[in-house]
């Protein structure tokens, strides 16, 4: 009888969770996706513990499917005929074996003028380039930046399936393509990643450091400390349901370049405490040669706080360090 009740609860949890995930486009996407993921994870964990019908390995494989939520369809807000900065389609082959789609978005420049900075951007775990264009355009407009935005394997027009290994390979290959197209040195590149994309930005920064061509800076926006921490935050023992690690925090222990962390205290997806964990870890790097700063604001996961463009400019110019609150007082 107990197994029947447990199995019924599990199935209902998974059904409700999948319903939330299926409707993430129409509703509050990130909050509902988080609720959906947690319900599915609870269901899988109870299934493992009480019914014995799913192995831990199988459960971990299922759990990883909710780390990556790729979307092939175009955002309903995307209209290429009504954008200020028209993206250039770029396709390149990744060591992952997949054909990756990216956008190169350039600012409107006067003859002889160059962008103020060169950003390679990595979005979060859901959607595709069309869902994240407007933030990329914000970077172009407010920073006079050239942006190279990447869709990971399995996202949008990119082929294959997303895995931690594939995404890291896609990021490194994308940086090499970007440098060649823009006619710049690797040291001019600034990897920026939001949420899940922060893991790709951090890994790319580490890869560039190891290769002896460190990037100009790395920016981690609303980024978790690790997938393990995110899973355990959902519920005790949740890390057993994911094999993906994306341990940004451990990489910060070895990174000596410029690091900017930004996070909102009202973040409903990635707990603010994980940003502070990352900042504390990065603060302990005695061999750091670059600047370290954390910008703290009062907004949610995907929001852009007032004064953020100025904070980015100041950090890139070496004028920002330590803890900074937005809006500035």
C-alpha atoms as a PDB file:
ATOM      1  CA  UNK A   1       0.000   0.000   0.000  1.00  0.00           C
ATOM      2  CA  UNK A   2       2.828   2.388   0.914  1.00  0.00           C
ATOM      3  CA  UNK A   3       4.586   1.722  -2.390  1.00  0.00           C
ATOM      4  CA  UNK A   4       1.357   2.465  -4.247  1.00  0.00           C
ATOM      5  CA  UNK A   5       0.877   5.765  -2.392  1.00  0.00           C
ATOM      6  CA  UNK A   6       4.538   6.697  -2.939  1.00  0.00           C
ATOM      7  CA  UNK A   7       4.370   5.873  -6.627  1.00  0.00           C
ATOM      8  CA  UNK A   8       1.155   7.890  -7.012  1.00  0.00           C
ATOM      9  CA  UNK A   9       2.801  10.912  -5.339  1.00  0.00           C
ATOM     10  CA  UNK A  10       5.868  10.537  -7.542  1.00  0.00           C
ATOM     11  CA  UNK A  11       3.864  10.390 -10.741  1.00  0.00           C
ATOM     12  CA  UNK A  12       1.746  13.386  -9.750  1.00  0.00           C
ATOM     13  CA  UNK A  13       4.857  15.400  -8.854  1.00  0.00           C
ATOM     14  CA  UNK A  14       6.524  14.602 -12.155  1.00  0.00           C
ATOM     15  CA  UNK A  15       3.325  15.326 -14.090  1.00  0.00           C
ATOM     16  CA  UNK A  16       2.855  18.721 -12.401  1.00  0.00           C
ATOM     17  CA  UNK A  17       6.554  19.524 -12.827  1.00  0.00           C
ATOM     18  CA  UNK A  18       6.523  18.723 -16.527  1.00  0.00           C
ATOM     19  CA  UNK A  19       3.347  20.782 -16.953  1.00  0.00           C
ATOM     20  CA  UNK A  20       5.116  23.806 -15.455  1.00  0.00           C
ATOM     21  CA  UNK A  21       8.097  23.276 -17.744  1.00  0.00           C
ATOM     22  CA  UNK A  22       5.902  22.875 -20.814  1.00  0.00           C
ATOM     23  CA  UNK A  23       4.208  26.213 -20.111  1.00  0.00           C
ATOM     24  CA  UNK A  24       7.359  28.142 -19.248  1.00  0.00           C
ATOM     25  CA  UNK A  25       7.072  30.309 -22.380  1.00  0.00           C
ATOM     26  CA  UNK A  26       3.627  31.631 -21.553  1.00  0.00           C
ATOM     27  CA  UNK A  27       4.083  32.109 -17.821  1.00  0.00           C
ATOM     28  CA  UNK A  28       6.825  33.373 -15.532  1.00  0.00           C
ATOM     29  CA  UNK A  29       9.462  31.269 -17.289  1.00  0.00           C
ATOM     30  CA  UNK A  30      12.313  31.049 -14.834  1.00  0.00           C
ATOM     31  CA  UNK A  31      10.233  30.772 -11.667  1.00  0.00           C
ATOM     32  CA  UNK A  32       7.950  28.109 -13.111  1.00  0.00           C
ATOM     33  CA  UNK A  33      10.869  26.226 -14.609  1.00  0.00           C
ATOM     34  CA  UNK A  34      12.496  26.180 -11.167  1.00  0.00           C
ATOM     35  CA  UNK A  35       9.296  24.893  -9.535  1.00  0.00           C
ATOM     36  CA  UNK A  36       8.955  22.295 -12.265  1.00  0.00           C
ATOM     37  CA  UNK A  37      12.526  21.109 -11.870  1.00  0.00           C
ATOM     38  CA  UNK A  38      12.139  20.803  -8.107  1.00  0.00           C
ATOM     39  CA  UNK A  39       8.926  18.819  -8.374  1.00  0.00           C
ATOM     40  CA  UNK A  40      10.491  16.443 -10.872  1.00  0.00           C
ATOM     41  CA  UNK A  41      13.583  16.095  -8.678  1.00  0.00           C
ATOM     42  CA  UNK A  42      11.483  15.344  -5.586  1.00  0.00           C
ATOM     43  CA  UNK A  43       9.553  12.787  -7.545  1.00  0.00           C
ATOM     44  CA  UNK A  44      12.667  11.087  -8.864  1.00  0.00           C
ATOM     45  CA  UNK A  45      14.355  11.016  -5.464  1.00  0.00           C
ATOM     46  CA  UNK A  46      11.352   9.441  -3.784  1.00  0.00           C
ATOM     47  CA  UNK A  47      11.107   6.980  -6.648  1.00  0.00           C
ATOM     48  CA  UNK A  48      14.715   5.958  -6.048  1.00  0.00           C
ATOM     49  CA  UNK A  49      14.386   5.706  -2.288  1.00  0.00           C
ATOM     50  CA  UNK A  50      10.966   4.110  -1.893  1.00  0.00           C
ATOM     51  CA  UNK A  51      10.140   2.094  -4.975  1.00  0.00           C
ATOM     52  CA  UNK A  52      13.527   1.017  -6.253  1.00  0.00           C
ATOM     53  CA  UNK A  53      12.215   1.159  -9.833  1.00  0.00           C
ATOM     54  CA  UNK A  54      14.827   3.656 -11.063  1.00  0.00           C
ATOM     55  CA  UNK A  55      18.566   3.364 -10.515  1.00  0.00           C
ATOM     56  CA  UNK A  56      20.561   6.312  -9.222  1.00  0.00           C
ATOM     57  CA  UNK A  57      22.409   6.469 -12.552  1.00  0.00           C
ATOM     58  CA  UNK A  58      19.130   6.598 -14.451  1.00  0.00           C
ATOM     59  CA  UNK A  59      17.794   9.261 -12.079  1.00  0.00           C
ATOM     60  CA  UNK A  60      20.947  11.370 -12.563  1.00  0.00           C
ATOM     61  CA  UNK A  61      20.548  11.116 -16.314  1.00  0.00           C
ATOM     62  CA  UNK A  62      16.949  12.289 -16.039  1.00  0.00           C
ATOM     63  CA  UNK A  63      17.962  15.091 -13.668  1.00  0.00           C
ATOM     64  CA  UNK A  64      20.519  16.406 -16.175  1.00  0.00           C
ATOM     65  CA  UNK A  65      17.728  16.888 -18.704  1.00  0.00           C
ATOM     66  CA  UNK A  66      16.437  19.725 -16.533  1.00  0.00           C
ATOM     67  CA  UNK A  67      19.828  21.444 -16.305  1.00  0.00           C
ATOM     68  CA  UNK A  68      19.571  22.147 -20.030  1.00  0.00           C
ATOM     69  CA  UNK A  69      16.218  23.247 -21.462  1.00  0.00           C
ATOM     70  CA  UNK A  70      17.037  23.983 -25.123  1.00  0.00           C
ATOM     71  CA  UNK A  71      14.484  25.628 -27.366  1.00  0.00           C
ATOM     72  CA  UNK A  72      14.434  25.281 -31.142  1.00  0.00           C
ATOM     73  CA  UNK A  73      11.515  27.623 -31.779  1.00  0.00           C
ATOM     74  CA  UNK A  74      11.926  31.370 -32.273  1.00  0.00           C
ATOM     75  CA  UNK A  75      10.862  33.731 -29.482  1.00  0.00           C
ATOM     76  CA  UNK A  76       7.447  35.305 -30.074  1.00  0.00           C
ATOM     77  CA  UNK A  77       9.064  38.674 -29.328  1.00  0.00           C
ATOM     78  CA  UNK A  78      11.703  38.280 -32.036  1.00  0.00           C
ATOM     79  CA  UNK A  79      11.204  40.353 -35.169  1.00  0.00           C
ATOM     80  CA  UNK A  80      14.410  40.741 -37.227  1.00  0.00           C
ATOM     81  CA  UNK A  81      12.872  43.602 -39.195  1.00  0.00           C
ATOM     82  CA  UNK A  82      12.417  45.726 -36.080  1.00  0.00           C
ATOM     83  CA  UNK A  83      15.762  45.478 -34.329  1.00  0.00           C
ATOM     84  CA  UNK A  84      18.220  48.323 -33.892  1.00  0.00           C
ATOM     85  CA  UNK A  85      21.308  46.162 -34.315  1.00  0.00           C
ATOM     86  CA  UNK A  86      20.922  43.467 -36.933  1.00  0.00           C
ATOM     87  CA  UNK A  87      22.796  40.278 -35.975  1.00  0.00           C
ATOM     88  CA  UNK A  88      25.056  38.518 -38.437  1.00  0.00           C
ATOM     89  CA  UNK A  89      24.565  34.738 -38.541  1.00  0.00           C
ATOM     90  CA  UNK A  90      27.742  32.777 -37.876  1.00  0.00           C
ATOM     91  CA  UNK A  91      28.120  29.004 -38.065  1.00  0.00           C
ATOM     92  CA  UNK A  92      31.202  27.130 -36.926  1.00  0.00           C
ATOM     93  CA  UNK A  93      32.283  23.577 -36.203  1.00  0.00           C
ATOM     94  CA  UNK A  94      32.878  22.769 -32.545  1.00  0.00           C
ATOM     95  CA  UNK A  95      35.176  20.052 -31.141  1.00  0.00           C
ATOM     96  CA  UNK A  96      31.929  18.694 -29.693  1.00  0.00           C
ATOM     97  CA  UNK A  97      31.265  17.493 -33.238  1.00  0.00           C
ATOM     98  CA  UNK A  98      28.307  19.834 -33.585  1.00  0.00           C
ATOM     99  CA  UNK A  99      27.634  22.776 -35.886  1.00  0.00           C
ATOM    100  CA  UNK A 100      27.138  25.821 -33.686  1.00  0.00           C
ATOM    101  CA  UNK A 101      25.066  28.886 -34.494  1.00  0.00           C
ATOM    102  CA  UNK A 102      26.141  32.252 -33.149  1.00  0.00           C
ATOM    103  CA  UNK A 103      25.338  35.908 -33.680  1.00  0.00           C
ATOM    104  CA  UNK A 104      27.838  38.687 -34.231  1.00  0.00           C
ATOM    105  CA  UNK A 105      26.207  41.981 -33.257  1.00  0.00           C
ATOM    106  CA  UNK A 106      28.104  45.188 -33.984  1.00  0.00           C
ATOM    107  CA  UNK A 107      27.450  48.744 -32.796  1.00  0.00           C
ATOM    108  CA  UNK A 108      26.713  51.619 -35.132  1.00  0.00           C
ATOM    109  CA  UNK A 109      30.117  53.228 -35.533  1.00  0.00           C
ATOM    110  CA  UNK A 110      31.486  56.292 -37.250  1.00  0.00           C
ATOM    111  CA  UNK A 111      34.161  55.715 -39.912  1.00  0.00           C
ATOM    112  CA  UNK A 112      37.425  54.806 -38.201  1.00  0.00           C
ATOM    113  CA  UNK A 113      35.739  54.235 -34.832  1.00  0.00           C
ATOM    114  CA  UNK A 114      36.166  50.925 -32.994  1.00  0.00           C
ATOM    115  CA  UNK A 115      33.982  49.207 -30.379  1.00  0.00           C
ATOM    116  CA  UNK A 116      34.866  50.025 -26.784  1.00  0.00           C
ATOM    117  CA  UNK A 117      34.957  46.329 -25.874  1.00  0.00           C
ATOM    118  CA  UNK A 118      34.488  42.840 -27.320  1.00  0.00           C
ATOM    119  CA  UNK A 119      32.070  40.587 -25.463  1.00  0.00           C
ATOM    120  CA  UNK A 120      31.396  36.889 -25.984  1.00  0.00           C
ATOM    121  CA  UNK A 121      28.040  36.218 -24.378  1.00  0.00           C
ATOM    122  CA  UNK A 122      26.602  32.995 -22.945  1.00  0.00           C
ATOM    123  CA  UNK A 123      22.902  32.852 -22.083  1.00  0.00           C
ATOM    124  CA  UNK A 124      21.065  30.799 -19.455  1.00  0.00           C
ATOM    125  CA  UNK A 125      19.719  27.252 -19.564  1.00  0.00           C
ATOM    126  CA  UNK A 126      16.538  27.921 -21.559  1.00  0.00           C
ATOM    127  CA  UNK A 127      15.555  29.563 -24.837  1.00  0.00           C
ATOM    128  CA  UNK A 128      17.995  30.381 -27.632  1.00  0.00           C
ATOM    129  CA  UNK A 129      19.587  33.440 -29.240  1.00  0.00           C
ATOM    130  CA  UNK A 130      16.231  34.958 -30.200  1.00  0.00           C
ATOM    131  CA  UNK A 131      15.084  34.903 -26.554  1.00  0.00           C
ATOM    132  CA  UNK A 132      18.204  36.709 -25.373  1.00  0.00           C
ATOM    133  CA  UNK A 133      18.762  39.192 -28.213  1.00  0.00           C
ATOM    134  CA  UNK A 134      17.461  42.247 -26.357  1.00  0.00           C
ATOM    135  CA  UNK A 135      20.000  41.954 -23.550  1.00  0.00           C
ATOM    136  CA  UNK A 136      22.738  41.533 -26.147  1.00  0.00           C
ATOM    137  CA  UNK A 137      21.432  44.666 -27.874  1.00  0.00           C
ATOM    138  CA  UNK A 138      21.469  46.448 -24.497  1.00  0.00           C
ATOM    139  CA  UNK A 139      25.165  45.624 -24.157  1.00  0.00           C
ATOM    140  CA  UNK A 140      25.861  46.865 -27.687  1.00  0.00           C
ATOM    141  CA  UNK A 141      23.945  50.110 -27.192  1.00  0.00           C
ATOM    142  CA  UNK A 142      25.028  51.005 -23.658  1.00  0.00           C
ATOM    143  CA  UNK A 143      28.663  49.927 -23.866  1.00  0.00           C
ATOM    144  CA  UNK A 144      29.284  50.518 -27.576  1.00  0.00           C
ATOM    145  CA  UNK A 145      30.358  46.879 -27.533  1.00  0.00           C
ATOM    146  CA  UNK A 146      30.687  44.252 -30.215  1.00  0.00           C
ATOM    147  CA  UNK A 147      28.929  41.099 -29.012  1.00  0.00           C
ATOM    148  CA  UNK A 148      29.367  37.513 -30.126  1.00  0.00           C
ATOM    149  CA  UNK A 149      26.499  35.432 -28.693  1.00  0.00           C
ATOM    150  CA  UNK A 150      26.601  31.632 -28.757  1.00  0.00           C
ATOM    151  CA  UNK A 151      23.827  29.040 -28.863  1.00  0.00           C
ATOM    152  CA  UNK A 152      25.109  25.837 -27.254  1.00  0.00           C
ATOM    153  CA  UNK A 153      24.817  22.408 -28.857  1.00  0.00           C
ATOM    154  CA  UNK A 154      21.141  21.547 -29.224  1.00  0.00           C
ATOM    155  CA  UNK A 155      19.922  25.133 -28.771  1.00  0.00           C
ATOM    156  CA  UNK A 156      18.245  27.064 -31.587  1.00  0.00           C
ATOM    157  CA  UNK A 157      19.930  26.251 -34.890  1.00  0.00           C
ATOM    158  CA  UNK A 158      22.892  24.484 -33.278  1.00  0.00           C
ATOM    159  CA  UNK A 159      23.035  20.739 -33.832  1.00  0.00           C
ATOM    160  CA  UNK A 160      23.598  17.962 -31.318  1.00  0.00           C
ATOM    161  CA  UNK A 161      22.717  17.803 -27.645  1.00  0.00           C
ATOM    162  CA  UNK A 162      23.869  19.991 -24.754  1.00  0.00           C
ATOM    163  CA  UNK A 163      26.199  18.496 -22.178  1.00  0.00           C
ATOM    164  CA  UNK A 164      28.701  20.134 -19.864  1.00  0.00           C
ATOM    165  CA  UNK A 165      31.602  18.968 -22.041  1.00  0.00           C
ATOM    166  CA  UNK A 166      29.921  20.042 -25.294  1.00  0.00           C
ATOM    167  CA  UNK A 167      29.048  23.500 -23.983  1.00  0.00           C
ATOM    168  CA  UNK A 168      32.623  24.156 -22.843  1.00  0.00           C
ATOM    169  CA  UNK A 169      33.929  23.058 -26.247  1.00  0.00           C
ATOM    170  CA  UNK A 170      31.372  25.266 -28.020  1.00  0.00           C
ATOM    171  CA  UNK A 171      32.473  28.263 -25.934  1.00  0.00           C
ATOM    172  CA  UNK A 172      36.208  27.875 -26.597  1.00  0.00           C
ATOM    173  CA  UNK A 173      35.701  27.320 -30.327  1.00  0.00           C
ATOM    174  CA  UNK A 174      33.374  30.332 -30.460  1.00  0.00           C
ATOM    175  CA  UNK A 175      36.000  32.566 -28.863  1.00  0.00           C
ATOM    176  CA  UNK A 176      38.528  31.574 -31.539  1.00  0.00           C
ATOM    177  CA  UNK A 177      36.029  32.344 -34.303  1.00  0.00           C
ATOM    178  CA  UNK A 178      35.148  35.689 -32.711  1.00  0.00           C
ATOM    179  CA  UNK A 179      38.790  36.765 -32.379  1.00  0.00           C
ATOM    180  CA  UNK A 180      39.440  35.979 -36.028  1.00  0.00           C
ATOM    181  CA  UNK A 181      36.290  37.717 -37.296  1.00  0.00           C
ATOM    182  CA  UNK A 182      36.807  40.866 -35.210  1.00  0.00           C
ATOM    183  CA  UNK A 183      40.536  41.041 -35.943  1.00  0.00           C
ATOM    184  CA  UNK A 184      41.468  41.289 -32.274  1.00  0.00           C
ATOM    185  CA  UNK A 185      43.745  39.577 -29.762  1.00  0.00           C
ATOM    186  CA  UNK A 186      42.351  37.021 -27.260  1.00  0.00           C
ATOM    187  CA  UNK A 187      43.295  39.395 -24.451  1.00  0.00           C
ATOM    188  CA  UNK A 188      40.627  41.838 -25.641  1.00  0.00           C
ATOM    189  CA  UNK A 189      37.786  39.344 -25.188  1.00  0.00           C
ATOM    190  CA  UNK A 190      35.381  39.647 -22.253  1.00  0.00           C
ATOM    191  CA  UNK A 191      33.322  36.504 -21.554  1.00  0.00           C
ATOM    192  CA  UNK A 192      29.977  37.381 -19.951  1.00  0.00           C
ATOM    193  CA  UNK A 193      27.627  34.640 -18.780  1.00  0.00           C
ATOM    194  CA  UNK A 194      24.224  34.853 -17.151  1.00  0.00           C
ATOM    195  CA  UNK A 195      22.935  32.080 -14.903  1.00  0.00           C
ATOM    196  CA  UNK A 196      24.022  28.765 -16.500  1.00  0.00           C
ATOM    197  CA  UNK A 197      26.045  30.792 -19.012  1.00  0.00           C
ATOM    198  CA  UNK A 198      28.313  31.915 -16.186  1.00  0.00           C
ATOM    199  CA  UNK A 199      29.708  28.382 -16.067  1.00  0.00           C
ATOM    200  CA  UNK A 200      30.695  28.650 -19.740  1.00  0.00           C
ATOM    201  CA  UNK A 201      32.185  32.119 -19.242  1.00  0.00           C
ATOM    202  CA  UNK A 202      34.240  30.913 -16.269  1.00  0.00           C
ATOM    203  CA  UNK A 203      35.475  27.794 -18.049  1.00  0.00           C
ATOM    204  CA  UNK A 204      36.454  29.858 -21.098  1.00  0.00           C
ATOM    205  CA  UNK A 205      38.361  32.301 -18.880  1.00  0.00           C
ATOM    206  CA  UNK A 206      40.202  29.356 -17.305  1.00  0.00           C
ATOM    207  CA  UNK A 207      40.989  27.824 -20.707  1.00  0.00           C
ATOM    208  CA  UNK A 208      42.392  31.142 -21.912  1.00  0.00           C
ATOM    209  CA  UNK A 209      44.464  31.555 -18.746  1.00  0.00           C
ATOM    210  CA  UNK A 210      45.920  28.055 -19.149  1.00  0.00           C
ATOM    211  CA  UNK A 211      46.771  28.809 -22.786  1.00  0.00           C
ATOM    212  CA  UNK A 212      48.732  31.896 -21.730  1.00  0.00           C
ATOM    213  CA  UNK A 213      46.269  34.276 -23.416  1.00  0.00           C
ATOM    214  CA  UNK A 214      44.111  35.537 -20.519  1.00  0.00           C
ATOM    215  CA  UNK A 215      40.923  37.424 -21.336  1.00  0.00           C
ATOM    216  CA  UNK A 216      40.400  41.080 -20.446  1.00  0.00           C
ATOM    217  CA  UNK A 217      37.849  40.194 -17.746  1.00  0.00           C
ATOM    218  CA  UNK A 218      35.121  37.670 -16.970  1.00  0.00           C
ATOM    219  CA  UNK A 219      31.644  38.670 -15.797  1.00  0.00           C
ATOM    220  CA  UNK A 220      29.370  36.259 -13.918  1.00  0.00           C
ATOM    221  CA  UNK A 221      25.765  37.473 -13.887  1.00  0.00           C
ATOM    222  CA  UNK A 222      23.268  35.740 -11.571  1.00  0.00           C
ATOM    223  CA  UNK A 223      25.523  32.689 -11.656  1.00  0.00           C
ATOM    224  CA  UNK A 224      25.433  29.701  -9.304  1.00  0.00           C
ATOM    225  CA  UNK A 225      28.444  28.344  -7.439  1.00  0.00           C
ATOM    226  CA  UNK A 226      27.860  24.878  -8.923  1.00  0.00           C
ATOM    227  CA  UNK A 227      25.058  22.671 -10.213  1.00  0.00           C
ATOM    228  CA  UNK A 228      25.690  20.478  -7.175  1.00  0.00           C
ATOM    229  CA  UNK A 229      24.919  23.418  -4.883  1.00  0.00           C
ATOM    230  CA  UNK A 230      21.811  24.248  -6.900  1.00  0.00           C
ATOM    231  CA  UNK A 231      20.552  20.662  -6.649  1.00  0.00           C
ATOM    232  CA  UNK A 232      21.232  20.468  -2.929  1.00  0.00           C
ATOM    233  CA  UNK A 233      19.489  23.809  -2.478  1.00  0.00           C
ATOM    234  CA  UNK A 234      16.381  22.248  -4.020  1.00  0.00           C
ATOM    235  CA  UNK A 235      16.378  19.481  -1.407  1.00  0.00           C
ATOM    236  CA  UNK A 236      18.707  17.411   0.748  1.00  0.00           C
ATOM    237  CA  UNK A 237      20.672  14.990  -1.394  1.00  0.00           C
ATOM    238  CA  UNK A 238      19.516  16.586  -4.642  1.00  0.00           C
ATOM    239  CA  UNK A 239      23.011  16.385  -6.127  1.00  0.00           C
ATOM    240  CA  UNK A 240      22.471  12.630  -6.502  1.00  0.00           C
ATOM    241  CA  UNK A 241      20.085  13.412  -9.343  1.00  0.00           C
ATOM    242  CA  UNK A 242      22.554  15.313 -11.545  1.00  0.00           C
ATOM    243  CA  UNK A 243      25.848  14.242 -13.069  1.00  0.00           C
ATOM    244  CA  UNK A 244      26.523  17.742 -14.448  1.00  0.00           C
ATOM    245  CA  UNK A 245      28.871  19.617 -12.099  1.00  0.00           C
ATOM    246  CA  UNK A 246      29.619  23.037 -13.626  1.00  0.00           C
ATOM    247  CA  UNK A 247      31.674  23.862 -10.551  1.00  0.00           C
ATOM    248  CA  UNK A 248      32.389  27.546 -11.128  1.00  0.00           C
ATOM    249  CA  UNK A 249      33.369  28.023  -7.506  1.00  0.00           C
ATOM    250  CA  UNK A 250      36.296  25.607  -7.676  1.00  0.00           C
ATOM    251  CA  UNK A 251      37.590  27.327 -10.828  1.00  0.00           C
ATOM    252  CA  UNK A 252      37.529  30.697  -9.081  1.00  0.00           C
ATOM    253  CA  UNK A 253      40.124  29.294  -6.645  1.00  0.00           C
ATOM    254  CA  UNK A 254      42.630  29.094  -9.507  1.00  0.00           C
ATOM    255  CA  UNK A 255      41.694  32.128 -11.581  1.00  0.00           C
ATOM    256  CA  UNK A 256      43.949  35.159 -11.232  1.00  0.00           C
ATOM    257  CA  UNK A 257      42.435  37.606 -13.733  1.00  0.00           C
ATOM    258  CA  UNK A 258      39.737  40.273 -13.517  1.00  0.00           C
ATOM    259  CA  UNK A 259      36.439  38.927 -12.139  1.00  0.00           C
ATOM    260  CA  UNK A 260      33.143  40.795 -11.818  1.00  0.00           C
ATOM    261  CA  UNK A 261      30.243  39.062 -10.074  1.00  0.00           C
ATOM    262  CA  UNK A 262      26.750  40.574 -10.262  1.00  0.00           C
ATOM    263  CA  UNK A 263      23.690  39.274  -8.421  1.00  0.00           C
ATOM    264  CA  UNK A 264      20.346  40.446  -7.120  1.00  0.00           C
ATOM    265  CA  UNK A 265      19.248  39.919  -3.539  1.00  0.00           C
ATOM    266  CA  UNK A 266      15.759  39.106  -4.835  1.00  0.00           C
ATOM    267  CA  UNK A 267      16.954  36.453  -7.283  1.00  0.00           C
ATOM    268  CA  UNK A 268      14.209  33.798  -7.306  1.00  0.00           C
ATOM    269  CA  UNK A 269      16.221  31.257  -9.314  1.00  0.00           C
ATOM    270  CA  UNK A 270      19.830  31.261  -8.067  1.00  0.00           C
ATOM    271  CA  UNK A 271      20.128  32.055  -4.346  1.00  0.00           C
ATOM    272  CA  UNK A 272      22.094  35.219  -3.578  1.00  0.00           C
ATOM    273  CA  UNK A 273      24.182  33.254  -1.075  1.00  0.00           C
ATOM    274  CA  UNK A 274      25.823  31.402  -3.981  1.00  0.00           C
ATOM    275  CA  UNK A 275      27.117  34.680  -5.414  1.00  0.00           C
ATOM    276  CA  UNK A 276      28.616  35.519  -2.038  1.00  0.00           C
ATOM    277  CA  UNK A 277      30.217  32.072  -1.921  1.00  0.00           C
ATOM    278  CA  UNK A 278      31.815  32.762  -5.304  1.00  0.00           C
ATOM    279  CA  UNK A 279      32.996  36.190  -4.171  1.00  0.00           C
ATOM    280  CA  UNK A 280      34.477  34.790  -0.965  1.00  0.00           C
ATOM    281  CA  UNK A 281      36.322  32.086  -2.887  1.00  0.00           C
ATOM    282  CA  UNK A 282      37.672  34.558  -5.431  1.00  0.00           C
ATOM    283  CA  UNK A 283      38.733  36.885  -2.608  1.00  0.00           C
ATOM    284  CA  UNK A 284      40.987  34.147  -1.249  1.00  0.00           C
ATOM    285  CA  UNK A 285      43.187  33.967  -4.352  1.00  0.00           C
ATOM    286  CA  UNK A 286      46.483  35.421  -3.125  1.00  0.00           C
ATOM    287  CA  UNK A 287      48.092  35.272  -6.555  1.00  0.00           C
ATOM    288  CA  UNK A 288      45.390  37.413  -8.159  1.00  0.00           C
ATOM    289  CA  UNK A 289      46.828  39.923 -10.581  1.00  0.00           C
ATOM    290  CA  UNK A 290      43.512  41.433 -11.674  1.00  0.00           C
ATOM    291  CA  UNK A 291      40.627  43.254 -10.033  1.00  0.00           C
ATOM    292  CA  UNK A 292      37.753  41.574  -8.175  1.00  0.00           C
ATOM    293  CA  UNK A 293      34.350  43.160  -7.609  1.00  0.00           C
ATOM    294  CA  UNK A 294      30.793  42.159  -6.786  1.00  0.00           C
ATOM    295  CA  UNK A 295      27.863  44.319  -7.815  1.00  0.00           C
ATOM    296  CA  UNK A 296      24.879  43.754  -5.555  1.00  0.00           C
ATOM    297  CA  UNK A 297      21.426  44.952  -6.570  1.00  0.00           C
ATOM    298  CA  UNK A 298      17.817  44.475  -5.480  1.00  0.00           C
ATOM    299  CA  UNK A 299      16.416  42.974  -8.678  1.00  0.00           C
ATOM    300  CA  UNK A 300      15.454  39.471  -9.828  1.00  0.00           C
ATOM    301  CA  UNK A 301      17.303  36.898 -11.922  1.00  0.00           C
ATOM    302  CA  UNK A 302      16.980  38.454 -15.385  1.00  0.00           C
ATOM    303  CA  UNK A 303      16.634  42.124 -14.432  1.00  0.00           C
ATOM    304  CA  UNK A 304      19.092  44.876 -15.333  1.00  0.00           C
ATOM    305  CA  UNK A 305      19.588  47.244 -12.388  1.00  0.00           C
ATOM    306  CA  UNK A 306      19.890  50.997 -12.754  1.00  0.00           C
ATOM    307  CA  UNK A 307      23.502  52.054 -13.065  1.00  0.00           C
ATOM    308  CA  UNK A 308      24.695  48.672 -14.325  1.00  0.00           C
ATOM    309  CA  UNK A 309      26.164  49.991 -17.567  1.00  0.00           C
ATOM    310  CA  UNK A 310      28.279  52.491 -15.627  1.00  0.00           C
ATOM    311  CA  UNK A 311      29.426  49.724 -13.275  1.00  0.00           C
ATOM    312  CA  UNK A 312      30.510  47.559 -16.214  1.00  0.00           C
ATOM    313  CA  UNK A 313      32.400  50.433 -17.823  1.00  0.00           C
ATOM    314  CA  UNK A 314      34.126  51.292 -14.549  1.00  0.00           C
ATOM    315  CA  UNK A 315      35.162  47.683 -13.999  1.00  0.00           C
ATOM    316  CA  UNK A 316      36.519  47.262 -17.505  1.00  0.00           C
ATOM    317  CA  UNK A 317      38.503  50.479 -17.006  1.00  0.00           C
ATOM    318  CA  UNK A 318      39.929  49.208 -13.710  1.00  0.00           C
ATOM    319  CA  UNK A 319      38.009  51.712 -11.569  1.00  0.00           C
ATOM    320  CA  UNK A 320      35.720  49.280  -9.712  1.00  0.00           C
ATOM    321  CA  UNK A 321      36.758  46.913  -6.939  1.00  0.00           C
ATOM    322  CA  UNK A 322      35.277  45.258  -3.855  1.00  0.00           C
ATOM    323  CA  UNK A 323      31.562  45.346  -2.968  1.00  0.00           C
ATOM    324  CA  UNK A 324      29.356  47.789  -4.842  1.00  0.00           C
ATOM    325  CA  UNK A 325      25.629  48.315  -4.290  1.00  0.00           C
ATOM    326  CA  UNK A 326      23.257  49.449  -7.047  1.00  0.00           C
ATOM    327  CA  UNK A 327      21.765  51.916  -7.230  1.00  0.00           C
ATOM    328  CA  UNK A 328      24.798  53.703  -5.847  1.00  0.00           C
ATOM    329  CA  UNK A 329      24.141  56.033  -2.954  1.00  0.00           C
END
